[in-house]
Amino acid sequence: MAEAFKFELVSPERLLVSEQVESVVIPGAEGEMTVMAQHAPVMTTIKPGVVTVKTAAGKEERYVVFGGFADILPSGCTLLAESAVAVGDIDRADL
């Protein structure tokens, strides 16, 4: 089991995620990047895409984000999205 770290996904409307996770895959401006505990400090822009979160309990969650910034530290990762929604909350009729 991988070491867990604090992850937060925040949009202007609300805090979507704030929990301990094993990994997060972020659609960075220069390609996808996987963040795990003890990652080197990085601040990067994110492009529209899917953020995949593997929780400390082993569950996988996915969120659609529409741009923003990721602040990555060895102790955690905060993703500030311009807009974000859980994939499970998307209604095909709204597309």
PDB file of N, CA and C in Angstrom:
ATOM      1  N   MET A   1       0.839  -1.174   0.000  1.00  0.00           N
ATOM      2  CA  MET A   1       0.000   0.000   0.000  1.00  0.00           C
ATOM      3  C   MET A   1       0.889   1.244   0.000  1.00  0.00           C
ATOM      4  N   ALA A   2       0.608   2.170  -0.888  1.00  0.00           N
ATOM      5  CA  ALA A   2       1.390   3.396  -1.006  1.00  0.00           C
ATOM      6  C   ALA A   2       1.101   4.336   0.165  1.00  0.00           C
ATOM      7  N   GLU A   3       2.066   5.190   0.445  1.00  0.00           N
ATOM      8  CA  GLU A   3       1.904   6.195   1.501  1.00  0.00           C
ATOM      9  C   GLU A   3       0.821   7.196   1.101  1.00  0.00           C
ATOM     10  N   ALA A   4      -0.016   7.571   2.037  1.00  0.00           N
ATOM     11  CA  ALA A   4      -1.109   8.512   1.763  1.00  0.00           C
ATOM     12  C   ALA A   4      -0.643   9.951   1.993  1.00  0.00           C
ATOM     13  N   PHE A   5      -1.321  10.881   1.328  1.00  0.00           N
ATOM     14  CA  PHE A   5      -1.055  12.302   1.504  1.00  0.00           C
ATOM     15  C   PHE A   5      -2.369  13.060   1.373  1.00  0.00           C
ATOM     16  N   LYS A   6      -2.375  14.315   1.810  1.00  0.00           N
ATOM     17  CA  LYS A   6      -3.577  15.155   1.793  1.00  0.00           C
ATOM     18  C   LYS A   6      -3.803  15.714   0.390  1.00  0.00           C
ATOM     19  N   PHE A   7      -5.035  15.547  -0.134  1.00  0.00           N
ATOM     20  CA  PHE A   7      -5.406  16.097  -1.436  1.00  0.00           C
ATOM     21  C   PHE A   7      -6.681  16.905  -1.288  1.00  0.00           C
ATOM     22  N   GLU A   8      -6.680  18.084  -1.907  1.00  0.00           N
ATOM     23  CA  GLU A   8      -7.887  18.913  -1.937  1.00  0.00           C
ATOM     24  C   GLU A   8      -8.147  19.354  -3.365  1.00  0.00           C
ATOM     25  N   LEU A   9      -9.405  19.243  -3.782  1.00  0.00           N
ATOM     26  CA  LEU A   9      -9.868  19.737  -5.079  1.00  0.00           C
ATOM     27  C   LEU A   9     -10.906  20.803  -4.784  1.00  0.00           C
ATOM     28  N   VAL A  10     -10.604  22.031  -5.202  1.00  0.00           N
ATOM     29  CA  VAL A  10     -11.443  23.177  -4.879  1.00  0.00           C
ATOM     30  C   VAL A  10     -11.868  23.875  -6.168  1.00  0.00           C
ATOM     31  N   SER A  11     -13.161  24.190  -6.258  1.00  0.00           N
ATOM     32  CA  SER A  11     -13.666  25.016  -7.358  1.00  0.00           C
ATOM     33  C   SER A  11     -14.246  26.282  -6.728  1.00  0.00           C
ATOM     34  N   PRO A  12     -14.547  27.305  -7.522  1.00  0.00           N
ATOM     35  CA  PRO A  12     -15.137  28.518  -6.935  1.00  0.00           C
ATOM     36  C   PRO A  12     -16.458  28.246  -6.208  1.00  0.00           C
ATOM     37  N   GLU A  13     -17.175  27.210  -6.630  1.00  0.00           N
ATOM     38  CA  GLU A  13     -18.470  26.907  -6.020  1.00  0.00           C
ATOM     39  C   GLU A  13     -18.354  26.187  -4.683  1.00  0.00           C
ATOM     40  N   ARG A  14     -17.345  25.257  -4.584  1.00  0.00           N
ATOM     41  CA  ARG A  14     -17.278  24.449  -3.364  1.00  0.00           C
ATOM     42  C   ARG A  14     -15.994  23.630  -3.293  1.00  0.00           C
ATOM     43  N   LEU A  15     -15.785  23.033  -2.141  1.00  0.00           N
ATOM     44  CA  LEU A  15     -14.702  22.084  -1.922  1.00  0.00           C
ATOM     45  C   LEU A  15     -15.223  20.709  -2.322  1.00  0.00           C
ATOM     46  N   LEU A  16     -14.655  20.104  -3.368  1.00  0.00           N
ATOM     47  CA  LEU A  16     -15.137  18.810  -3.843  1.00  0.00           C
ATOM     48  C   LEU A  16     -14.497  17.643  -3.106  1.00  0.00           C
ATOM     49  N   VAL A  17     -13.204  17.759  -2.798  1.00  0.00           N
ATOM     50  CA  VAL A  17     -12.480  16.666  -2.147  1.00  0.00           C
ATOM     51  C   VAL A  17     -11.533  17.259  -1.117  1.00  0.00           C
ATOM     52  N   SER A  18     -11.468  16.623   0.037  1.00  0.00           N
ATOM     53  CA  SER A  18     -10.475  16.939   1.053  1.00  0.00           C
ATOM     54  C   SER A  18     -10.255  15.664   1.851  1.00  0.00           C
ATOM     55  N   GLU A  19      -9.267  14.871   1.429  1.00  0.00           N
ATOM     56  CA  GLU A  19      -9.051  13.584   2.085  1.00  0.00           C
ATOM     57  C   GLU A  19      -7.652  13.052   1.829  1.00  0.00           C
ATOM     58  N   GLN A  20      -7.321  11.989   2.533  1.00  0.00           N
ATOM     59  CA  GLN A  20      -6.057  11.292   2.343  1.00  0.00           C
ATOM     60  C   GLN A  20      -6.183  10.398   1.112  1.00  0.00           C
ATOM     61  N   VAL A  21      -5.192  10.473   0.228  1.00  0.00           N
ATOM     62  CA  VAL A  21      -5.215   9.686  -1.004  1.00  0.00           C
ATOM     63  C   VAL A  21      -3.855   9.030  -1.219  1.00  0.00           C
ATOM     64  N   GLU A  22      -3.831   8.014  -2.097  1.00  0.00           N
ATOM     65  CA  GLU A  22      -2.576   7.357  -2.462  1.00  0.00           C
ATOM     66  C   GLU A  22      -1.941   8.002  -3.681  1.00  0.00           C
ATOM     67  N   SER A  23      -2.788   8.424  -4.643  1.00  0.00           N
ATOM     68  CA  SER A  23      -2.261   9.052  -5.856  1.00  0.00           C
ATOM     69  C   SER A  23      -3.334   9.897  -6.523  1.00  0.00           C
ATOM     70  N   VAL A  24      -2.864  10.850  -7.331  1.00  0.00           N
ATOM     71  CA  VAL A  24      -3.749  11.712  -8.107  1.00  0.00           C
ATOM     72  C   VAL A  24      -3.117  11.880  -9.485  1.00  0.00           C
ATOM     73  N   VAL A  25      -3.898  11.660 -10.542  1.00  0.00           N
ATOM     74  CA  VAL A  25      -3.424  11.905 -11.905  1.00  0.00           C
ATOM     75  C   VAL A  25      -4.060  13.210 -12.365  1.00  0.00           C
ATOM     76  N   ILE A  26      -3.211  14.173 -12.728  1.00  0.00           N
ATOM     77  CA  ILE A  26      -3.641  15.532 -13.064  1.00  0.00           C
ATOM     78  C   ILE A  26      -3.349  15.808 -14.540  1.00  0.00           C
ATOM     79  N   PRO A  27      -4.307  16.422 -15.263  1.00  0.00           N
ATOM     80  CA  PRO A  27      -4.041  16.810 -16.655  1.00  0.00           C
ATOM     81  C   PRO A  27      -3.243  18.117 -16.697  1.00  0.00           C
ATOM     82  N   GLY A  28      -1.935  18.015 -16.556  1.00  0.00           N
ATOM     83  CA  GLY A  28      -1.082  19.199 -16.542  1.00  0.00           C
ATOM     84  C   GLY A  28      -0.960  19.832 -17.917  1.00  0.00           C
ATOM     85  N   ALA A  29      -0.494  21.053 -17.944  1.00  0.00           N
ATOM     86  CA  ALA A  29      -0.356  21.795 -19.197  1.00  0.00           C
ATOM     87  C   ALA A  29       0.614  21.109 -20.159  1.00  0.00           C
ATOM     88  N   GLU A  30       1.576  20.361 -19.617  1.00  0.00           N
ATOM     89  CA  GLU A  30       2.560  19.673 -20.456  1.00  0.00           C
ATOM     90  C   GLU A  30       2.343  18.167 -20.475  1.00  0.00           C
ATOM     91  N   GLY A  31       1.149  17.718 -20.132  1.00  0.00           N
ATOM     92  CA  GLY A  31       0.825  16.295 -20.138  1.00  0.00           C
ATOM     93  C   GLY A  31       0.358  15.829 -18.771  1.00  0.00           C
ATOM     94  N   GLU A  32      -0.142  14.601 -18.726  1.00  0.00           N
ATOM     95  CA  GLU A  32      -0.627  14.055 -17.456  1.00  0.00           C
ATOM     96  C   GLU A  32       0.532  13.824 -16.506  1.00  0.00           C
ATOM     97  N   MET A  33       0.278  14.071 -15.231  1.00  0.00           N
ATOM     98  CA  MET A  33       1.285  13.787 -14.216  1.00  0.00           C
ATOM     99  C   MET A  33       0.630  13.087 -13.035  1.00  0.00           C
ATOM    100  N   THR A  34       1.336  12.109 -12.496  1.00  0.00           N
ATOM    101  CA  THR A  34       0.858  11.383 -11.329  1.00  0.00           C
ATOM    102  C   THR A  34       1.551  11.941 -10.097  1.00  0.00           C
ATOM    103  N   VAL A  35       0.762  12.308  -9.109  1.00  0.00           N
ATOM    104  CA  VAL A  35       1.282  12.846  -7.853  1.00  0.00           C
ATOM    105  C   VAL A  35       1.115  11.783  -6.780  1.00  0.00           C
ATOM    106  N   MET A  36       2.198  11.534  -6.048  1.00  0.00           N
ATOM    107  CA  MET A  36       2.168  10.608  -4.916  1.00  0.00           C
ATOM    108  C   MET A  36       2.822  11.307  -3.728  1.00  0.00           C
ATOM    109  N   ALA A  37       2.754  10.690  -2.571  1.00  0.00           N
ATOM    110  CA  ALA A  37       3.361  11.270  -1.367  1.00  0.00           C
ATOM    111  C   ALA A  37       4.844  11.536  -1.613  1.00  0.00           C
ATOM    112  N   GLN A  38       5.344  12.597  -1.028  1.00  0.00           N
ATOM    113  CA  GLN A  38       6.746  13.013  -1.119  1.00  0.00           C
ATOM    114  C   GLN A  38       7.146  13.500  -2.513  1.00  0.00           C
ATOM    115  N   HIS A  39       6.171  13.913  -3.321  1.00  0.00           N
ATOM    116  CA  HIS A  39       6.460  14.463  -4.650  1.00  0.00           C
ATOM    117  C   HIS A  39       7.257  15.757  -4.498  1.00  0.00           C
ATOM    118  N   ALA A  40       8.134  16.019  -5.435  1.00  0.00           N
ATOM    119  CA  ALA A  40       8.901  17.268  -5.423  1.00  0.00           C
ATOM    120  C   ALA A  40       7.946  18.458  -5.543  1.00  0.00           C
ATOM    121  N   PRO A  41       8.262  19.571  -4.901  1.00  0.00           N
ATOM    122  CA  PRO A  41       7.391  20.750  -4.985  1.00  0.00           C
ATOM    123  C   PRO A  41       7.274  21.265  -6.427  1.00  0.00           C
ATOM    124  N   VAL A  42       6.030  21.480  -6.857  1.00  0.00           N
ATOM    125  CA  VAL A  42       5.751  21.972  -8.212  1.00  0.00           C
ATOM    126  C   VAL A  42       4.477  22.797  -8.158  1.00  0.00           C
ATOM    127  N   MET A  43       4.453  23.865  -8.932  1.00  0.00           N
ATOM    128  CA  MET A  43       3.199  24.577  -9.163  1.00  0.00           C
ATOM    129  C   MET A  43       3.028  24.588 -10.671  1.00  0.00           C
ATOM    130  N   THR A  44       1.874  24.125 -11.151  1.00  0.00           N
ATOM    131  CA  THR A  44       1.650  24.023 -12.586  1.00  0.00           C
ATOM    132  C   THR A  44       0.216  24.383 -12.941  1.00  0.00           C
ATOM    133  N   THR A  45       0.016  24.762 -14.173  1.00  0.00           N
ATOM    134  CA  THR A  45      -1.350  24.976 -14.646  1.00  0.00           C
ATOM    135  C   THR A  45      -1.918  23.631 -15.065  1.00  0.00           C
ATOM    136  N   ILE A  46      -3.234  23.535 -14.992  1.00  0.00           N
ATOM    137  CA  ILE A  46      -3.891  22.318 -15.461  1.00  0.00           C
ATOM    138  C   ILE A  46      -4.783  22.681 -16.636  1.00  0.00           C
ATOM    139  N   LYS A  47      -4.916  21.738 -17.539  1.00  0.00           N
ATOM    140  CA  LYS A  47      -5.776  21.950 -18.698  1.00  0.00           C
ATOM    141  C   LYS A  47      -7.079  21.187 -18.485  1.00  0.00           C
ATOM    142  N   PRO A  48      -8.096  21.477 -19.268  1.00  0.00           N
ATOM    143  CA  PRO A  48      -9.349  20.726 -19.129  1.00  0.00           C
ATOM    144  C   PRO A  48      -9.100  19.228 -19.322  1.00  0.00           C
ATOM    145  N   GLY A  49      -9.691  18.429 -18.451  1.00  0.00           N
ATOM    146  CA  GLY A  49      -9.506  16.984 -18.526  1.00  0.00           C
ATOM    147  C   GLY A  49     -10.070  16.299 -17.304  1.00  0.00           C
ATOM    148  N   VAL A  50      -9.618  15.069 -17.093  1.00  0.00           N
ATOM    149  CA  VAL A  50     -10.109  14.249 -15.984  1.00  0.00           C
ATOM    150  C   VAL A  50      -9.012  14.093 -14.937  1.00  0.00           C
ATOM    151  N   VAL A  51      -9.365  14.336 -13.687  1.00  0.00           N
ATOM    152  CA  VAL A  51      -8.489  14.090 -12.546  1.00  0.00           C
ATOM    153  C   VAL A  51      -8.920  12.756 -11.951  1.00  0.00           C
ATOM    154  N   THR A  52      -7.974  11.830 -11.835  1.00  0.00           N
ATOM    155  CA  THR A  52      -8.265  10.519 -11.264  1.00  0.00           C
ATOM    156  C   THR A  52      -7.616  10.434  -9.889  1.00  0.00           C
ATOM    157  N   VAL A  53      -8.423  10.133  -8.880  1.00  0.00           N
ATOM    158  CA  VAL A  53      -7.968  10.088  -7.494  1.00  0.00           C
ATOM    159  C   VAL A  53      -8.092   8.663  -6.981  1.00  0.00           C
ATOM    160  N   LYS A  54      -6.997   8.123  -6.425  1.00  0.00           N
ATOM    161  CA  LYS A  54      -7.053   6.823  -5.753  1.00  0.00           C
ATOM    162  C   LYS A  54      -6.975   7.104  -4.257  1.00  0.00           C
ATOM    163  N   THR A  55      -8.086   6.858  -3.561  1.00  0.00           N
ATOM    164  CA  THR A  55      -8.156   7.173  -2.135  1.00  0.00           C
ATOM    165  C   THR A  55      -7.309   6.207  -1.318  1.00  0.00           C
ATOM    166  N   ALA A  56      -7.051   6.576  -0.073  1.00  0.00           N
ATOM    167  CA  ALA A  56      -6.291   5.717   0.825  1.00  0.00           C
ATOM    168  C   ALA A  56      -7.008   4.394   1.059  1.00  0.00           C
ATOM    169  N   ALA A  57      -8.337   4.375   0.883  1.00  0.00           N
ATOM    170  CA  ALA A  57      -9.122   3.147   1.035  1.00  0.00           C
ATOM    171  C   ALA A  57      -9.086   2.289  -0.229  1.00  0.00           C
ATOM    172  N   GLY A  58      -8.424   2.775  -1.293  1.00  0.00           N
ATOM    173  CA  GLY A  58      -8.305   2.012  -2.524  1.00  0.00           C
ATOM    174  C   GLY A  58      -9.385   2.281  -3.554  1.00  0.00           C
ATOM    175  N   LYS A  59     -10.308   3.172  -3.246  1.00  0.00           N
ATOM    176  CA  LYS A  59     -11.391   3.516  -4.173  1.00  0.00           C
ATOM    177  C   LYS A  59     -10.885   4.527  -5.203  1.00  0.00           C
ATOM    178  N   GLU A  60     -11.359   4.394  -6.458  1.00  0.00           N
ATOM    179  CA  GLU A  60     -10.979   5.348  -7.498  1.00  0.00           C
ATOM    180  C   GLU A  60     -12.127   6.307  -7.767  1.00  0.00           C
ATOM    181  N   GLU A  61     -11.822   7.600  -7.766  1.00  0.00           N
ATOM    182  CA  GLU A  61     -12.818   8.640  -8.038  1.00  0.00           C
ATOM    183  C   GLU A  61     -12.306   9.490  -9.190  1.00  0.00           C
ATOM    184  N   ARG A  62     -13.236   9.959 -10.041  1.00  0.00           N
ATOM    185  CA  ARG A  62     -12.842  10.773 -11.192  1.00  0.00           C
ATOM    186  C   ARG A  62     -13.641  12.071 -11.215  1.00  0.00           C
ATOM    187  N   TYR A  63     -12.957  13.145 -11.598  1.00  0.00           N
ATOM    188  CA  TYR A  63     -13.553  14.477 -11.660  1.00  0.00           C
ATOM    189  C   TYR A  63     -13.152  15.136 -12.981  1.00  0.00           C
ATOM    190  N   VAL A  64     -14.100  15.812 -13.609  1.00  0.00           N
ATOM    191  CA  VAL A  64     -13.799  16.596 -14.804  1.00  0.00           C
ATOM    192  C   VAL A  64     -13.472  18.012 -14.341  1.00  0.00           C
ATOM    193  N   VAL A  65     -12.319  18.520 -14.788  1.00  0.00           N
ATOM    194  CA  VAL A  65     -11.912  19.878 -14.431  1.00  0.00           C
ATOM    195  C   VAL A  65     -11.745  20.703 -15.703  1.00  0.00           C
ATOM    196  N   PHE A  66     -11.954  21.992 -15.564  1.00  0.00           N
ATOM    197  CA  PHE A  66     -11.853  22.909 -16.696  1.00  0.00           C
ATOM    198  C   PHE A  66     -10.830  23.989 -16.390  1.00  0.00           C
ATOM    199  N   GLY A  67      -9.562  23.601 -16.363  1.00  0.00           N
ATOM    200  CA  GLY A  67      -8.475  24.537 -16.130  1.00  0.00           C
ATOM    201  C   GLY A  67      -8.274  24.873 -14.668  1.00  0.00           C
ATOM    202  N   GLY A  68      -7.139  25.518 -14.387  1.00  0.00           N
ATOM    203  CA  GLY A  68      -6.828  25.924 -13.030  1.00  0.00           C
ATOM    204  C   GLY A  68      -5.348  25.751 -12.731  1.00  0.00           C
ATOM    205  N   PHE A  69      -5.026  25.551 -11.449  1.00  0.00           N
ATOM    206  CA  PHE A  69      -3.654  25.414 -10.989  1.00  0.00           C
ATOM    207  C   PHE A  69      -3.541  24.249 -10.019  1.00  0.00           C
ATOM    208  N   ALA A  70      -2.368  23.618  -9.998  1.00  0.00           N
ATOM    209  CA  ALA A  70      -2.069  22.576  -9.024  1.00  0.00           C
ATOM    210  C   ALA A  70      -0.860  23.022  -8.215  1.00  0.00           C
ATOM    211  N   ASP A  71      -0.990  22.988  -6.894  1.00  0.00           N
ATOM    212  CA  ASP A  71       0.100  23.306  -5.972  1.00  0.00           C
ATOM    213  C   ASP A  71       0.491  21.998  -5.300  1.00  0.00           C
ATOM    214  N   ILE A  72       1.670  21.488  -5.652  1.00  0.00           N
ATOM    215  CA  ILE A  72       2.106  20.175  -5.184  1.00  0.00           C
ATOM    216  C   ILE A  72       3.285  20.350  -4.236  1.00  0.00           C
ATOM    217  N   LEU A  73       3.177  19.728  -3.062  1.00  0.00           N
ATOM    218  CA  LEU A  73       4.231  19.739  -2.049  1.00  0.00           C
ATOM    219  C   LEU A  73       4.486  18.298  -1.617  1.00  0.00           C
ATOM    220  N   PRO A  74       5.617  18.009  -0.965  1.00  0.00           N
ATOM    221  CA  PRO A  74       5.842  16.644  -0.496  1.00  0.00           C
ATOM    222  C   PRO A  74       4.740  16.142   0.445  1.00  0.00           C
ATOM    223  N   SER A  75       4.104  17.061   1.171  1.00  0.00           N
ATOM    224  CA  SER A  75       3.079  16.673   2.148  1.00  0.00           C
ATOM    225  C   SER A  75       1.659  16.674   1.606  1.00  0.00           C
ATOM    226  N   GLY A  76       1.448  17.175   0.373  1.00  0.00           N
ATOM    227  CA  GLY A  76       0.082  17.221  -0.132  1.00  0.00           C
ATOM    228  C   GLY A  76      -0.035  17.906  -1.476  1.00  0.00           C
ATOM    229  N   CYS A  77      -1.270  17.957  -1.967  1.00  0.00           N
ATOM    230  CA  CYS A  77      -1.552  18.552  -3.271  1.00  0.00           C
ATOM    231  C   CYS A  77      -2.894  19.271  -3.197  1.00  0.00           C
ATOM    232  N   THR A  78      -2.903  20.521  -3.658  1.00  0.00           N
ATOM    233  CA  THR A  78      -4.145  21.282  -3.742  1.00  0.00           C
ATOM    234  C   THR A  78      -4.368  21.650  -5.191  1.00  0.00           C
ATOM    235  N   LEU A  79      -5.538  21.305  -5.694  1.00  0.00           N
ATOM    236  CA  LEU A  79      -5.897  21.621  -7.070  1.00  0.00           C
ATOM    237  C   LEU A  79      -6.986  22.679  -7.037  1.00  0.00           C
ATOM    238  N   LEU A  80      -6.694  23.847  -7.590  1.00  0.00           N
ATOM    239  CA  LEU A  80      -7.650  24.951  -7.651  1.00  0.00           C
ATOM    240  C   LEU A  80      -8.189  24.996  -9.074  1.00  0.00           C
ATOM    241  N   ALA A  81      -9.392  24.483  -9.272  1.00  0.00           N
ATOM    242  CA  ALA A  81      -9.973  24.367 -10.608  1.00  0.00           C
ATOM    243  C   ALA A  81     -10.893  25.539 -10.909  1.00  0.00           C
ATOM    244  N   GLU A  82     -10.874  25.988 -12.163  1.00  0.00           N
ATOM    245  CA  GLU A  82     -11.804  27.033 -12.586  1.00  0.00           C
ATOM    246  C   GLU A  82     -13.237  26.525 -12.484  1.00  0.00           C
ATOM    247  N   SER A  83     -13.421  25.244 -12.780  1.00  0.00           N
ATOM    248  CA  SER A  83     -14.713  24.572 -12.658  1.00  0.00           C
ATOM    249  C   SER A  83     -14.428  23.086 -12.542  1.00  0.00           C
ATOM    250  N   ALA A  84     -15.212  22.366 -11.750  1.00  0.00           N
ATOM    251  CA  ALA A  84     -15.003  20.934 -11.575  1.00  0.00           C
ATOM    252  C   ALA A  84     -16.309  20.255 -11.198  1.00  0.00           C
ATOM    253  N   VAL A  85     -16.442  18.995 -11.618  1.00  0.00           N
ATOM    254  CA  VAL A  85     -17.625  18.206 -11.298  1.00  0.00           C
ATOM    255  C   VAL A  85     -17.221  16.732 -11.245  1.00  0.00           C
ATOM    256  N   ALA A  86     -17.811  15.989 -10.313  1.00  0.00           N
ATOM    257  CA  ALA A  86     -17.567  14.550 -10.237  1.00  0.00           C
ATOM    258  C   ALA A  86     -18.163  13.882 -11.471  1.00  0.00           C
ATOM    259  N   VAL A  87     -17.435  12.934 -12.048  1.00  0.00           N
ATOM    260  CA  VAL A  87     -17.922  12.245 -13.246  1.00  0.00           C
ATOM    261  C   VAL A  87     -19.289  11.625 -12.985  1.00  0.00           C
ATOM    262  N   GLY A  88     -19.506  11.083 -11.807  1.00  0.00           N
ATOM    263  CA  GLY A  88     -20.791  10.463 -11.469  1.00  0.00           C
ATOM    264  C   GLY A  88     -21.956  11.433 -11.415  1.00  0.00           C
ATOM    265  N   ASP A  89     -21.661  12.720 -11.294  1.00  0.00           N
ATOM    266  CA  ASP A  89     -22.718  13.737 -11.230  1.00  0.00           C
ATOM    267  C   ASP A  89     -23.096  14.307 -12.592  1.00  0.00           C
ATOM    268  N   ILE A  90     -22.403  13.866 -13.638  1.00  0.00           N
ATOM    269  CA  ILE A  90     -22.683  14.386 -14.977  1.00  0.00           C
ATOM    270  C   ILE A  90     -23.881  13.655 -15.568  1.00  0.00           C
ATOM    271  N   ASP A  91     -24.838  14.419 -16.056  1.00  0.00           N
ATOM    272  CA  ASP A  91     -26.031  13.871 -16.710  1.00  0.00           C
ATOM    273  C   ASP A  91     -25.841  13.999 -18.219  1.00  0.00           C
ATOM    274  N   ARG A  92     -25.936  12.891 -18.931  1.00  0.00           N
ATOM    275  CA  ARG A  92     -25.740  12.916 -20.386  1.00  0.00           C
ATOM    276  C   ARG A  92     -26.670  13.910 -21.074  1.00  0.00           C
ATOM    277  N   ALA A  93     -27.826  14.140 -20.525  1.00  0.00           N
ATOM    278  CA  ALA A  93     -28.776  15.081 -21.121  1.00  0.00           C
ATOM    279  C   ALA A  93     -28.244  16.513 -21.083  1.00  0.00           C
ATOM    280  N   ASP A  94     -27.339  16.778 -20.134  1.00  0.00           N
ATOM    281  CA  ASP A  94     -26.767  18.120 -20.014  1.00  0.00           C
ATOM    282  C   ASP A  94     -25.626  18.374 -20.996  1.00  0.00           C
ATOM    283  N   LEU A  95     -25.126  17.310 -21.626  1.00  0.00           N
ATOM    284  CA  LEU A  95     -23.970  17.471 -22.526  1.00  0.00           C
ATOM    285  C   LEU A  95     -24.326  18.082 -23.836  1.00  0.00           C
TER     286      LEU A  95
END
